[in-house]
């Protein structure tokens, strides 16, 4: 039964990748076989109370990040494997599912799609079930985010908003503002991490360039 389930999901993933091709996007899939599928489904059940047969999401939000890793290859490797590395002790208690993202944007602005946009990635506490993640290579002192990345994030926000009912575009540092929001599903009130990515200046540029989309304002922190 598991083998049949895996074959069906693999076909779905392949169709999703081929259906959303774009000249601006390079597909570079991370590992997403049965072990990662099972971990994702367990995460959705344990963290959000969602019992699903497939790890699909209904995107209502885009969350922008930085990797805090200075190069593309190391950033990609951080997401590639299904399980968390031992170095991620601060979040391993919540699940062994590795962190991931739907898109990874290199310093030169090249956009890589790591997984289908409607499959859940672990990239933001409380909101993974409805959020598309965009990671940007860098964010360290020696590799700040670039203008090329800003432009690619603007393009991605417009591209994704044309495809889905996107209501919010937020920086990772703003995720806790949603704790009392209807989209928030995290069941553990003690499971939080402090974030600063991708920076207010970066978000201001993206928001200014996409203000015609009339996204909802981020809730005020209470």
N, C-alpha and C. Protein backbone atom coordinates (compact mmCIF):
# COMPACT_ATOMS: atom_id res chain seq x y z
N UNK A 1 0.82 -1.20 0.00
CA UNK A 1 0.00 0.00 0.00
C UNK A 1 0.86 1.26 0.00
N UNK A 2 1.92 1.23 0.84
CA UNK A 2 2.82 2.38 0.90
C UNK A 2 3.51 2.62 -0.44
N UNK A 3 3.87 1.50 -1.11
CA UNK A 3 4.55 1.63 -2.39
C UNK A 3 3.63 2.29 -3.41
N UNK A 4 2.35 1.88 -3.42
CA UNK A 4 1.38 2.48 -4.34
C UNK A 4 1.20 3.96 -4.02
N UNK A 5 1.09 4.27 -2.72
CA UNK A 5 0.94 5.66 -2.28
C UNK A 5 2.12 6.51 -2.75
N UNK A 6 3.32 5.96 -2.61
CA UNK A 6 4.52 6.69 -3.02
C UNK A 6 4.52 6.94 -4.53
N UNK A 7 4.15 5.92 -5.32
CA UNK A 7 4.13 6.06 -6.78
C UNK A 7 3.14 7.15 -7.19
N UNK A 8 1.96 7.13 -6.58
CA UNK A 8 0.93 8.14 -6.90
C UNK A 8 1.43 9.54 -6.55
N UNK A 9 2.02 9.70 -5.37
CA UNK A 9 2.53 11.01 -4.97
C UNK A 9 3.67 11.47 -5.86
N UNK A 10 4.52 10.53 -6.27
CA UNK A 10 5.64 10.88 -7.15
C UNK A 10 5.13 11.40 -8.48
N UNK A 11 4.08 10.77 -8.99
CA UNK A 11 3.48 11.23 -10.25
C UNK A 11 2.88 12.61 -10.07
N UNK A 12 2.19 12.82 -8.94
CA UNK A 12 1.60 14.14 -8.66
C UNK A 12 2.68 15.20 -8.61
N UNK A 13 3.78 14.93 -7.89
CA UNK A 13 4.86 15.90 -7.77
C UNK A 13 5.45 16.23 -9.14
N UNK A 14 5.62 15.19 -9.98
CA UNK A 14 6.18 15.41 -11.32
C UNK A 14 5.27 16.29 -12.16
N UNK A 15 3.97 16.03 -12.06
CA UNK A 15 3.01 16.84 -12.82
C UNK A 15 3.00 18.28 -12.33
N UNK A 16 3.09 18.45 -11.01
CA UNK A 16 3.10 19.80 -10.46
C UNK A 16 4.33 20.57 -10.93
N UNK A 17 5.49 19.91 -10.94
CA UNK A 17 6.70 20.57 -11.40
C UNK A 17 6.58 20.98 -12.86
N UNK A 18 6.07 20.07 -13.70
CA UNK A 18 5.98 20.37 -15.13
C UNK A 18 4.92 21.40 -15.42
N UNK A 19 3.85 21.43 -14.58
CA UNK A 19 2.75 22.36 -14.82
C UNK A 19 3.11 23.79 -14.46
N UNK A 20 4.08 23.98 -13.57
CA UNK A 20 4.38 25.34 -13.13
C UNK A 20 5.78 25.77 -13.57
N UNK A 21 6.20 25.33 -14.74
CA UNK A 21 7.48 25.76 -15.29
C UNK A 21 7.46 27.25 -15.62
N UNK A 22 8.56 27.89 -15.45
CA UNK A 22 8.70 29.29 -15.81
C UNK A 22 10.13 29.53 -16.24
N UNK A 23 10.33 30.42 -17.19
CA UNK A 23 11.67 30.71 -17.66
C UNK A 23 12.52 31.35 -16.57
N UNK A 24 11.86 31.89 -15.53
CA UNK A 24 12.58 32.53 -14.43
C UNK A 24 12.96 31.55 -13.33
N UNK A 25 12.46 30.33 -13.40
CA UNK A 25 12.64 29.38 -12.31
C UNK A 25 13.38 28.14 -12.79
N UNK A 26 14.36 27.72 -11.99
CA UNK A 26 15.11 26.50 -12.27
C UNK A 26 14.68 25.44 -11.26
N UNK A 27 14.17 24.32 -11.71
CA UNK A 27 13.75 23.26 -10.80
C UNK A 27 14.96 22.47 -10.31
N UNK A 28 15.11 22.39 -8.99
CA UNK A 28 16.18 21.63 -8.38
C UNK A 28 15.61 20.95 -7.14
N UNK A 29 14.89 19.85 -7.31
CA UNK A 29 14.15 19.24 -6.21
C UNK A 29 15.04 18.71 -5.09
N UNK A 30 14.58 18.92 -3.85
CA UNK A 30 15.19 18.27 -2.70
C UNK A 30 14.61 16.85 -2.60
N UNK A 31 15.14 16.05 -1.70
CA UNK A 31 14.65 14.69 -1.53
C UNK A 31 13.26 14.73 -0.89
N UNK A 32 12.28 14.16 -1.58
CA UNK A 32 10.92 14.14 -1.04
C UNK A 32 10.27 12.81 -1.39
N UNK A 33 10.83 11.76 -0.79
CA UNK A 33 10.30 10.42 -1.01
C UNK A 33 9.45 10.02 0.20
N UNK A 34 9.16 8.73 0.33
CA UNK A 34 8.17 8.30 1.32
C UNK A 34 8.53 8.70 2.75
N UNK A 35 9.83 8.66 3.10
CA UNK A 35 10.19 9.01 4.48
C UNK A 35 9.86 10.47 4.79
N UNK A 36 10.12 11.35 3.83
CA UNK A 36 9.81 12.77 4.08
C UNK A 36 8.30 13.01 4.04
N UNK A 37 7.61 12.30 3.17
CA UNK A 37 6.16 12.40 3.13
C UNK A 37 5.57 12.01 4.47
N UNK A 38 6.03 10.89 5.01
CA UNK A 38 5.51 10.41 6.30
C UNK A 38 5.82 11.40 7.42
N UNK A 39 7.03 11.94 7.44
CA UNK A 39 7.40 12.92 8.47
C UNK A 39 6.55 14.19 8.35
N UNK A 40 6.26 14.59 7.12
CA UNK A 40 5.45 15.78 6.90
C UNK A 40 4.02 15.57 7.37
N UNK A 41 3.45 14.42 7.04
CA UNK A 41 2.10 14.11 7.48
C UNK A 41 2.02 14.03 9.00
N UNK A 42 3.05 13.47 9.63
CA UNK A 42 3.07 13.38 11.09
C UNK A 42 3.19 14.77 11.70
N UNK A 43 3.99 15.63 11.09
CA UNK A 43 4.14 17.02 11.56
C UNK A 43 2.79 17.73 11.51
N UNK A 44 2.08 17.58 10.41
CA UNK A 44 0.78 18.24 10.26
C UNK A 44 -0.21 17.75 11.33
N UNK A 45 -0.13 16.48 11.65
CA UNK A 45 -1.02 15.92 12.66
C UNK A 45 -0.65 16.38 14.06
N UNK A 46 0.65 16.29 14.39
CA UNK A 46 1.10 16.59 15.75
C UNK A 46 1.07 18.08 16.07
N UNK A 47 1.52 18.90 15.12
CA UNK A 47 1.65 20.34 15.39
C UNK A 47 0.35 21.10 15.15
N UNK A 48 -0.44 20.64 14.19
CA UNK A 48 -1.61 21.40 13.75
C UNK A 48 -2.94 20.68 13.93
N UNK A 49 -2.90 19.40 14.27
CA UNK A 49 -4.13 18.64 14.39
C UNK A 49 -4.78 18.34 13.06
N UNK A 50 -3.98 18.33 11.99
CA UNK A 50 -4.50 18.08 10.65
C UNK A 50 -4.19 16.65 10.23
N UNK A 51 -5.21 15.85 10.01
CA UNK A 51 -5.02 14.48 9.55
C UNK A 51 -5.23 14.43 8.05
N UNK A 52 -4.15 14.26 7.32
CA UNK A 52 -4.18 14.30 5.86
C UNK A 52 -3.62 13.02 5.26
N UNK A 53 -4.05 12.71 4.05
CA UNK A 53 -3.49 11.58 3.31
C UNK A 53 -2.31 12.00 2.45
N UNK A 54 -2.27 13.26 2.08
CA UNK A 54 -1.16 13.82 1.31
C UNK A 54 -0.76 15.15 1.94
N UNK A 55 0.51 15.54 1.81
CA UNK A 55 0.98 16.76 2.47
C UNK A 55 0.70 18.03 1.67
N UNK A 56 -0.52 18.18 1.21
CA UNK A 56 -0.88 19.34 0.41
C UNK A 56 -1.26 20.53 1.28
N UNK A 57 -1.04 21.73 0.77
CA UNK A 57 -1.43 22.95 1.46
C UNK A 57 -2.26 23.83 0.53
N UNK A 58 -3.01 24.75 1.13
CA UNK A 58 -3.75 25.76 0.40
C UNK A 58 -3.06 27.09 0.66
N UNK A 59 -2.20 27.56 -0.25
CA UNK A 59 -1.37 28.74 0.03
C UNK A 59 -2.18 30.03 0.18
N UNK A 60 -2.02 30.66 1.34
CA UNK A 60 -2.62 31.96 1.62
C UNK A 60 -1.57 33.00 1.97
N UNK A 61 -0.33 32.56 2.06
CA UNK A 61 0.74 33.41 2.59
C UNK A 61 2.06 33.06 1.92
N UNK A 62 2.92 34.07 1.77
CA UNK A 62 4.30 33.88 1.34
C UNK A 62 5.19 34.39 2.46
N UNK A 63 6.16 33.59 2.88
CA UNK A 63 7.09 33.98 3.93
C UNK A 63 8.49 34.06 3.34
N UNK A 64 9.12 35.22 3.48
CA UNK A 64 10.46 35.45 2.96
C UNK A 64 11.49 35.26 4.07
N UNK A 65 12.60 34.60 3.73
CA UNK A 65 13.64 34.23 4.69
C UNK A 65 15.03 34.57 4.13
N UNK A 66 16.02 34.44 5.01
CA UNK A 66 17.40 34.27 4.55
C UNK A 66 17.94 32.98 5.16
N UNK A 67 18.93 32.39 4.50
CA UNK A 67 19.45 31.10 4.97
C UNK A 67 20.49 31.26 6.07
N UNK A 68 21.12 32.46 6.17
CA UNK A 68 22.25 32.68 7.07
C UNK A 68 23.40 31.74 6.74
N UNK A 69 23.46 31.32 5.49
CA UNK A 69 24.53 30.48 4.95
C UNK A 69 25.06 31.21 3.72
N UNK A 70 26.38 31.36 3.58
CA UNK A 70 26.91 32.29 2.57
C UNK A 70 26.92 31.84 1.12
N UNK A 71 26.57 30.58 0.82
CA UNK A 71 26.63 30.15 -0.57
C UNK A 71 25.47 29.22 -0.92
N UNK A 72 25.25 29.07 -2.21
CA UNK A 72 24.12 28.30 -2.71
C UNK A 72 24.19 26.83 -2.34
N UNK A 73 25.34 26.20 -2.58
CA UNK A 73 25.43 24.75 -2.40
C UNK A 73 25.21 24.34 -0.95
N UNK A 74 25.80 25.07 -0.01
CA UNK A 74 25.59 24.74 1.40
C UNK A 74 24.15 25.02 1.82
N UNK A 75 23.55 26.07 1.25
CA UNK A 75 22.15 26.36 1.55
C UNK A 75 21.26 25.24 1.05
N UNK A 76 21.52 24.78 -0.17
CA UNK A 76 20.73 23.68 -0.74
C UNK A 76 20.88 22.41 0.10
N UNK A 77 22.11 22.10 0.51
CA UNK A 77 22.34 20.89 1.30
C UNK A 77 21.62 20.94 2.64
N UNK A 78 21.43 22.14 3.18
CA UNK A 78 20.74 22.28 4.46
C UNK A 78 19.29 21.80 4.38
N UNK A 79 18.69 21.87 3.19
CA UNK A 79 17.29 21.50 3.01
C UNK A 79 17.11 20.13 2.36
N UNK A 80 18.14 19.61 1.75
CA UNK A 80 18.02 18.46 0.85
C UNK A 80 17.50 17.20 1.53
N UNK A 81 18.05 16.84 2.68
CA UNK A 81 17.72 15.56 3.30
C UNK A 81 16.40 15.60 4.07
N UNK A 82 15.74 14.47 4.22
CA UNK A 82 14.43 14.44 4.88
C UNK A 82 14.45 14.75 6.37
N UNK A 83 15.53 14.35 7.07
CA UNK A 83 15.57 14.51 8.52
C UNK A 83 16.52 15.63 8.95
N UNK A 84 16.20 16.24 10.08
CA UNK A 84 17.03 17.30 10.63
C UNK A 84 18.43 16.78 10.95
N UNK A 85 19.45 17.60 10.73
CA UNK A 85 20.79 17.23 11.19
C UNK A 85 20.87 17.38 12.71
N UNK A 86 21.83 16.76 13.34
CA UNK A 86 21.97 16.81 14.79
C UNK A 86 22.20 18.22 15.31
N UNK A 87 22.68 19.11 14.45
CA UNK A 87 22.99 20.48 14.88
C UNK A 87 21.74 21.31 15.16
N UNK A 88 20.57 20.84 14.76
CA UNK A 88 19.33 21.61 14.93
C UNK A 88 18.56 21.18 16.18
N UNK A 89 19.25 21.12 17.31
CA UNK A 89 18.64 20.64 18.55
C UNK A 89 17.50 21.53 19.02
N UNK A 90 17.57 22.83 18.71
CA UNK A 90 16.56 23.77 19.23
C UNK A 90 15.17 23.51 18.67
N UNK A 91 15.08 22.83 17.51
CA UNK A 91 13.76 22.57 16.93
C UNK A 91 13.49 21.07 16.74
N UNK A 92 14.48 20.24 17.07
CA UNK A 92 14.32 18.81 16.84
C UNK A 92 13.26 18.19 17.74
N UNK A 93 12.99 18.81 18.89
CA UNK A 93 11.99 18.28 19.79
C UNK A 93 10.59 18.34 19.22
N UNK A 94 10.36 19.26 18.30
CA UNK A 94 9.04 19.40 17.68
C UNK A 94 8.83 18.36 16.59
N UNK A 95 9.89 17.95 15.93
CA UNK A 95 9.81 16.95 14.86
C UNK A 95 11.20 16.72 14.30
N UNK A 96 11.40 15.51 13.76
CA UNK A 96 12.65 15.21 13.05
C UNK A 96 12.57 15.60 11.58
N UNK A 97 11.42 16.09 11.14
CA UNK A 97 11.29 16.57 9.76
C UNK A 97 12.27 17.71 9.52
N UNK A 98 13.06 17.62 8.46
CA UNK A 98 14.02 18.67 8.17
C UNK A 98 13.32 19.94 7.71
N UNK A 99 13.98 21.07 7.93
CA UNK A 99 13.48 22.33 7.41
C UNK A 99 13.62 22.32 5.89
N UNK A 100 12.79 23.10 5.24
CA UNK A 100 12.83 23.18 3.79
C UNK A 100 12.13 24.45 3.34
N UNK A 101 12.06 24.63 2.05
CA UNK A 101 11.43 25.82 1.49
C UNK A 101 11.04 25.50 0.06
N UNK A 102 10.07 26.20 -0.44
CA UNK A 102 9.63 25.95 -1.81
C UNK A 102 10.60 26.54 -2.83
N UNK A 103 11.18 27.68 -2.48
CA UNK A 103 12.11 28.35 -3.39
C UNK A 103 13.38 28.74 -2.65
N UNK A 104 14.49 28.77 -3.40
CA UNK A 104 15.79 29.21 -2.90
C UNK A 104 16.35 30.18 -3.92
N UNK A 105 16.63 31.42 -3.49
CA UNK A 105 17.10 32.47 -4.39
C UNK A 105 18.57 32.75 -4.12
N UNK A 106 19.39 32.54 -5.14
CA UNK A 106 20.83 32.74 -5.01
C UNK A 106 21.17 34.23 -4.98
N UNK A 107 22.40 34.55 -4.62
CA UNK A 107 22.83 35.94 -4.51
C UNK A 107 22.74 36.69 -5.84
N UNK A 108 22.86 35.96 -6.95
CA UNK A 108 22.76 36.60 -8.27
C UNK A 108 21.32 36.73 -8.75
N UNK A 109 20.37 36.29 -7.92
CA UNK A 109 18.96 36.41 -8.26
C UNK A 109 18.36 35.18 -8.91
N UNK A 110 19.16 34.15 -9.19
CA UNK A 110 18.61 32.93 -9.78
C UNK A 110 17.65 32.27 -8.80
N UNK A 111 16.47 31.89 -9.31
CA UNK A 111 15.43 31.29 -8.48
C UNK A 111 15.41 29.78 -8.71
N UNK A 112 15.56 29.02 -7.64
CA UNK A 112 15.48 27.57 -7.70
C UNK A 112 14.21 27.10 -6.98
N UNK A 113 13.45 26.24 -7.64
CA UNK A 113 12.28 25.65 -6.99
C UNK A 113 12.70 24.30 -6.42
N UNK A 114 12.56 24.14 -5.10
CA UNK A 114 13.00 22.95 -4.42
C UNK A 114 11.91 21.90 -4.28
N UNK A 115 10.66 22.33 -4.34
CA UNK A 115 9.54 21.41 -4.15
C UNK A 115 8.27 22.06 -4.67
N UNK A 116 7.22 21.27 -4.91
CA UNK A 116 5.97 21.85 -5.42
C UNK A 116 5.39 22.88 -4.46
N UNK A 117 4.78 23.89 -5.01
CA UNK A 117 4.29 25.02 -4.20
C UNK A 117 3.13 24.64 -3.29
N UNK A 118 2.43 23.56 -3.60
CA UNK A 118 1.28 23.16 -2.79
C UNK A 118 1.58 21.94 -1.91
N UNK A 119 2.86 21.69 -1.68
CA UNK A 119 3.29 20.66 -0.74
C UNK A 119 3.89 21.34 0.48
N UNK A 120 3.57 20.85 1.68
CA UNK A 120 4.03 21.54 2.89
C UNK A 120 5.53 21.45 3.08
N UNK A 121 6.14 22.60 3.34
CA UNK A 121 7.54 22.70 3.73
C UNK A 121 7.60 23.17 5.18
N UNK A 122 8.63 22.77 5.90
CA UNK A 122 8.81 23.22 7.28
C UNK A 122 9.73 24.44 7.28
N UNK A 123 9.15 25.61 7.38
CA UNK A 123 9.98 26.82 7.34
C UNK A 123 9.50 27.92 8.27
N UNK A 124 8.29 27.78 8.85
CA UNK A 124 7.78 28.84 9.72
C UNK A 124 6.82 28.21 10.74
N UNK A 125 7.08 28.43 12.00
CA UNK A 125 6.25 27.85 13.06
C UNK A 125 4.81 28.35 12.94
N UNK A 126 3.87 27.44 13.08
CA UNK A 126 2.47 27.79 13.16
C UNK A 126 1.73 28.00 11.86
N UNK A 127 2.48 28.17 10.76
CA UNK A 127 1.86 28.60 9.51
C UNK A 127 2.24 27.76 8.29
N UNK A 128 3.03 26.71 8.50
CA UNK A 128 3.49 25.90 7.36
C UNK A 128 2.35 25.35 6.52
N UNK A 129 1.22 25.10 7.15
CA UNK A 129 0.09 24.48 6.46
C UNK A 129 -0.52 25.39 5.41
N UNK A 130 -0.13 26.67 5.38
CA UNK A 130 -0.74 27.60 4.43
C UNK A 130 0.26 28.57 3.82
N UNK A 131 1.57 28.32 4.04
CA UNK A 131 2.59 29.29 3.66
C UNK A 131 3.59 28.73 2.65
N UNK A 132 3.83 29.48 1.59
CA UNK A 132 4.91 29.19 0.65
C UNK A 132 6.17 29.88 1.16
N UNK A 133 7.25 29.12 1.25
CA UNK A 133 8.51 29.66 1.76
C UNK A 133 9.48 30.02 0.66
N UNK A 134 10.12 31.19 0.82
CA UNK A 134 11.16 31.64 -0.11
C UNK A 134 12.41 31.94 0.70
N UNK A 135 13.44 31.13 0.52
CA UNK A 135 14.72 31.32 1.20
C UNK A 135 15.68 32.07 0.28
N UNK A 136 16.44 32.99 0.86
CA UNK A 136 17.44 33.75 0.12
C UNK A 136 18.82 33.41 0.66
N UNK A 137 19.72 33.01 -0.23
CA UNK A 137 21.08 32.66 0.17
C UNK A 137 21.77 33.87 0.76
N UNK A 138 22.36 33.68 1.94
CA UNK A 138 23.08 34.78 2.58
C UNK A 138 22.36 35.27 3.83
N UNK A 139 22.61 36.55 4.12
CA UNK A 139 22.08 37.12 5.34
C UNK A 139 23.10 37.14 6.45
N UNK A 140 24.35 36.81 6.11
CA UNK A 140 25.44 36.89 7.06
C UNK A 140 26.12 38.26 6.93
N UNK A 141 27.02 38.56 7.85
CA UNK A 141 27.70 39.85 7.83
C UNK A 141 28.47 40.07 6.52
N UNK A 142 29.09 39.01 6.01
CA UNK A 142 29.89 39.11 4.80
C UNK A 142 29.11 38.85 3.52
N UNK A 143 27.91 38.32 3.65
CA UNK A 143 27.07 38.06 2.47
C UNK A 143 25.65 38.58 2.71
N UNK A 144 25.50 39.91 2.76
CA UNK A 144 24.15 40.47 2.91
C UNK A 144 23.31 40.16 1.68
N UNK A 145 22.00 40.21 1.84
CA UNK A 145 21.12 39.98 0.70
C UNK A 145 21.34 41.08 -0.34
N UNK A 146 21.14 40.74 -1.61
CA UNK A 146 21.49 41.63 -2.72
C UNK A 146 20.25 42.24 -3.38
N UNK A 147 20.49 43.26 -4.19
CA UNK A 147 19.40 43.87 -4.95
C UNK A 147 18.83 42.88 -5.96
N UNK A 148 19.68 42.00 -6.48
CA UNK A 148 19.19 40.97 -7.40
C UNK A 148 18.20 40.05 -6.70
N UNK A 149 18.45 39.76 -5.44
CA UNK A 149 17.52 38.94 -4.68
C UNK A 149 16.22 39.68 -4.40
N UNK A 150 16.31 40.95 -4.12
CA UNK A 150 15.11 41.76 -3.93
C UNK A 150 14.23 41.67 -5.18
N UNK A 151 14.84 41.88 -6.35
CA UNK A 151 14.08 41.85 -7.60
C UNK A 151 13.46 40.48 -7.86
N UNK A 152 14.20 39.42 -7.53
CA UNK A 152 13.66 38.08 -7.74
C UNK A 152 12.52 37.77 -6.77
N UNK A 153 12.63 38.27 -5.54
CA UNK A 153 11.53 38.08 -4.58
C UNK A 153 10.29 38.84 -5.01
N UNK A 154 10.47 40.02 -5.56
CA UNK A 154 9.34 40.79 -6.08
C UNK A 154 8.67 40.01 -7.22
N UNK A 155 9.49 39.48 -8.11
CA UNK A 155 8.95 38.69 -9.22
C UNK A 155 8.19 37.47 -8.70
N UNK A 156 8.76 36.78 -7.72
CA UNK A 156 8.12 35.59 -7.17
C UNK A 156 6.79 35.92 -6.50
N UNK A 157 6.75 37.01 -5.75
CA UNK A 157 5.50 37.41 -5.09
C UNK A 157 4.42 37.66 -6.13
N UNK A 158 4.75 38.34 -7.19
CA UNK A 158 3.77 38.59 -8.25
C UNK A 158 3.36 37.29 -8.95
N UNK A 159 4.34 36.46 -9.24
CA UNK A 159 4.11 35.19 -9.91
C UNK A 159 3.18 34.29 -9.10
N UNK A 160 3.47 34.17 -7.80
CA UNK A 160 2.67 33.30 -6.94
C UNK A 160 1.29 33.88 -6.67
N UNK A 161 1.20 35.20 -6.62
CA UNK A 161 -0.09 35.84 -6.38
C UNK A 161 -1.02 35.70 -7.57
N UNK A 162 -0.45 35.52 -8.75
CA UNK A 162 -1.27 35.26 -9.93
C UNK A 162 -1.85 33.85 -9.90
N UNK A 163 -1.20 32.94 -9.18
CA UNK A 163 -1.60 31.53 -9.17
C UNK A 163 -2.48 31.16 -7.98
N UNK A 164 -2.27 31.84 -6.86
CA UNK A 164 -2.93 31.45 -5.62
C UNK A 164 -3.58 32.65 -4.95
N UNK A 165 -4.48 32.36 -4.02
CA UNK A 165 -5.17 33.41 -3.27
C UNK A 165 -4.28 33.87 -2.11
N UNK A 166 -3.21 34.55 -2.46
CA UNK A 166 -2.25 35.01 -1.44
C UNK A 166 -2.81 36.25 -0.73
N UNK A 167 -2.90 36.15 0.58
CA UNK A 167 -3.46 37.24 1.38
C UNK A 167 -2.40 38.01 2.15
N UNK A 168 -1.29 37.34 2.47
CA UNK A 168 -0.23 37.97 3.26
C UNK A 168 1.13 37.67 2.65
N UNK A 169 2.02 38.66 2.69
CA UNK A 169 3.44 38.46 2.38
C UNK A 169 4.19 38.99 3.59
N UNK A 170 4.94 38.11 4.26
CA UNK A 170 5.58 38.51 5.51
C UNK A 170 7.05 38.12 5.53
N UNK A 171 7.80 38.82 6.38
CA UNK A 171 9.15 38.39 6.69
C UNK A 171 9.09 37.37 7.82
N UNK A 172 10.04 36.48 7.86
CA UNK A 172 10.05 35.44 8.89
C UNK A 172 9.97 36.04 10.29
N UNK A 173 10.58 37.20 10.48
CA UNK A 173 10.59 37.85 11.79
C UNK A 173 9.20 38.28 12.25
N UNK A 174 8.22 38.26 11.36
CA UNK A 174 6.87 38.71 11.70
C UNK A 174 5.91 37.57 12.03
N UNK A 175 6.40 36.33 12.03
CA UNK A 175 5.48 35.19 12.12
C UNK A 175 4.70 35.16 13.43
N UNK A 176 5.31 35.60 14.54
CA UNK A 176 4.61 35.52 15.83
C UNK A 176 3.46 36.51 15.93
N UNK A 177 3.39 37.47 15.02
CA UNK A 177 2.24 38.39 15.00
C UNK A 177 0.94 37.67 14.68
N UNK A 178 1.04 36.45 14.19
CA UNK A 178 -0.15 35.70 13.79
C UNK A 178 -0.64 34.74 14.87
N UNK A 179 -0.10 34.80 16.07
CA UNK A 179 -0.42 33.82 17.10
C UNK A 179 -1.92 33.74 17.42
N UNK A 180 -2.64 34.83 17.33
CA UNK A 180 -4.08 34.81 17.60
C UNK A 180 -4.91 34.87 16.33
N UNK A 181 -4.26 34.66 15.20
CA UNK A 181 -4.94 34.75 13.91
C UNK A 181 -5.56 33.40 13.54
N UNK A 182 -6.59 33.43 12.71
CA UNK A 182 -7.26 32.20 12.30
C UNK A 182 -6.35 31.26 11.52
N UNK A 183 -5.30 31.77 10.89
CA UNK A 183 -4.38 30.91 10.15
C UNK A 183 -3.41 30.18 11.07
N UNK A 184 -3.25 30.63 12.29
CA UNK A 184 -2.27 30.05 13.21
C UNK A 184 -2.79 28.73 13.77
N UNK A 185 -2.00 27.65 13.62
CA UNK A 185 -2.45 26.35 14.09
C UNK A 185 -1.50 25.66 15.07
N UNK A 186 -0.33 26.23 15.36
CA UNK A 186 0.61 25.57 16.26
C UNK A 186 -0.04 25.33 17.64
N UNK A 187 0.01 24.07 18.10
CA UNK A 187 -0.67 23.68 19.33
C UNK A 187 0.17 23.92 20.59
N UNK A 188 1.49 24.00 20.45
CA UNK A 188 2.39 24.14 21.59
C UNK A 188 2.73 25.61 21.81
N UNK A 189 2.22 26.18 22.89
CA UNK A 189 2.45 27.61 23.15
C UNK A 189 3.90 27.93 23.51
N UNK A 190 4.67 26.90 23.81
CA UNK A 190 6.07 27.13 24.16
C UNK A 190 7.04 26.94 23.01
N UNK A 191 6.51 26.55 21.84
CA UNK A 191 7.39 26.30 20.69
C UNK A 191 7.49 27.55 19.83
N UNK A 192 8.54 28.35 20.07
CA UNK A 192 8.79 29.57 19.33
C UNK A 192 10.31 29.74 19.16
N UNK A 193 10.73 30.36 18.09
CA UNK A 193 12.12 30.75 17.91
C UNK A 193 12.16 32.22 17.49
N UNK A 194 13.18 32.92 17.91
CA UNK A 194 13.30 34.34 17.57
C UNK A 194 13.98 34.50 16.22
N UNK A 195 13.37 35.28 15.32
CA UNK A 195 13.88 35.45 13.97
C UNK A 195 14.04 36.92 13.61
N UNK A 196 14.99 37.20 12.74
CA UNK A 196 15.19 38.57 12.24
C UNK A 196 15.17 38.63 10.71
N UNK A 197 15.13 37.47 10.07
CA UNK A 197 15.22 37.43 8.61
C UNK A 197 13.88 37.77 7.95
N UNK A 198 13.92 38.32 6.74
CA UNK A 198 15.10 38.71 5.94
C UNK A 198 15.49 40.17 6.15
N UNK A 199 15.03 40.77 7.24
CA UNK A 199 15.32 42.17 7.54
C UNK A 199 14.21 43.11 7.09
N UNK A 200 14.00 44.16 7.87
CA UNK A 200 12.92 45.11 7.56
C UNK A 200 13.16 45.85 6.25
N UNK A 201 14.40 46.22 5.97
CA UNK A 201 14.71 46.95 4.74
C UNK A 201 14.34 46.11 3.51
N UNK A 202 14.68 44.83 3.56
CA UNK A 202 14.35 43.92 2.46
C UNK A 202 12.83 43.85 2.28
N UNK A 203 12.10 43.69 3.38
CA UNK A 203 10.65 43.59 3.30
C UNK A 203 10.02 44.89 2.81
N UNK A 204 10.56 46.02 3.22
CA UNK A 204 10.02 47.31 2.78
C UNK A 204 10.13 47.45 1.26
N UNK A 205 11.23 46.98 0.70
CA UNK A 205 11.42 47.07 -0.75
C UNK A 205 10.44 46.17 -1.50
N UNK A 206 10.26 44.96 -0.99
CA UNK A 206 9.33 44.03 -1.64
C UNK A 206 7.91 44.56 -1.53
N UNK A 207 7.54 45.06 -0.36
CA UNK A 207 6.17 45.57 -0.16
C UNK A 207 5.90 46.80 -1.02
N UNK A 208 6.87 47.66 -1.13
CA UNK A 208 6.69 48.87 -1.93
C UNK A 208 6.45 48.52 -3.39
N UNK A 209 7.17 47.51 -3.88
CA UNK A 209 7.06 47.13 -5.30
C UNK A 209 5.82 46.30 -5.60
N UNK A 210 5.16 45.77 -4.55
CA UNK A 210 3.98 44.91 -4.77
C UNK A 210 2.73 45.49 -4.10
N UNK A 211 2.75 46.79 -3.79
CA UNK A 211 1.62 47.39 -3.07
C UNK A 211 0.33 47.36 -3.89
N UNK A 212 0.45 47.28 -5.22
CA UNK A 212 -0.75 47.19 -6.07
C UNK A 212 -1.51 45.89 -5.86
N UNK A 213 -0.89 44.92 -5.19
CA UNK A 213 -1.55 43.64 -4.92
C UNK A 213 -2.53 43.74 -3.74
N UNK A 214 -2.39 44.79 -2.97
CA UNK A 214 -3.31 45.02 -1.84
C UNK A 214 -3.38 43.85 -0.87
N UNK A 215 -2.21 43.34 -0.49
CA UNK A 215 -2.18 42.28 0.51
C UNK A 215 -2.68 42.80 1.85
N UNK A 216 -3.18 41.90 2.68
CA UNK A 216 -3.60 42.28 4.03
C UNK A 216 -2.40 42.72 4.85
N UNK A 217 -2.63 43.64 5.77
CA UNK A 217 -1.56 44.08 6.65
C UNK A 217 -1.27 43.00 7.69
N UNK A 218 -0.02 42.91 8.07
CA UNK A 218 0.38 41.97 9.11
C UNK A 218 -0.27 42.40 10.42
N UNK A 219 -0.87 41.47 11.16
CA UNK A 219 -1.49 41.85 12.44
C UNK A 219 -0.48 42.50 13.37
N UNK A 220 -0.96 43.41 14.20
CA UNK A 220 -0.09 44.05 15.19
C UNK A 220 0.22 43.05 16.30
N UNK A 221 1.44 43.12 16.83
CA UNK A 221 1.83 42.25 17.93
C UNK A 221 1.10 42.68 19.20
N UNK A 222 0.50 41.73 19.89
CA UNK A 222 -0.25 42.05 21.12
C UNK A 222 0.60 41.88 22.34
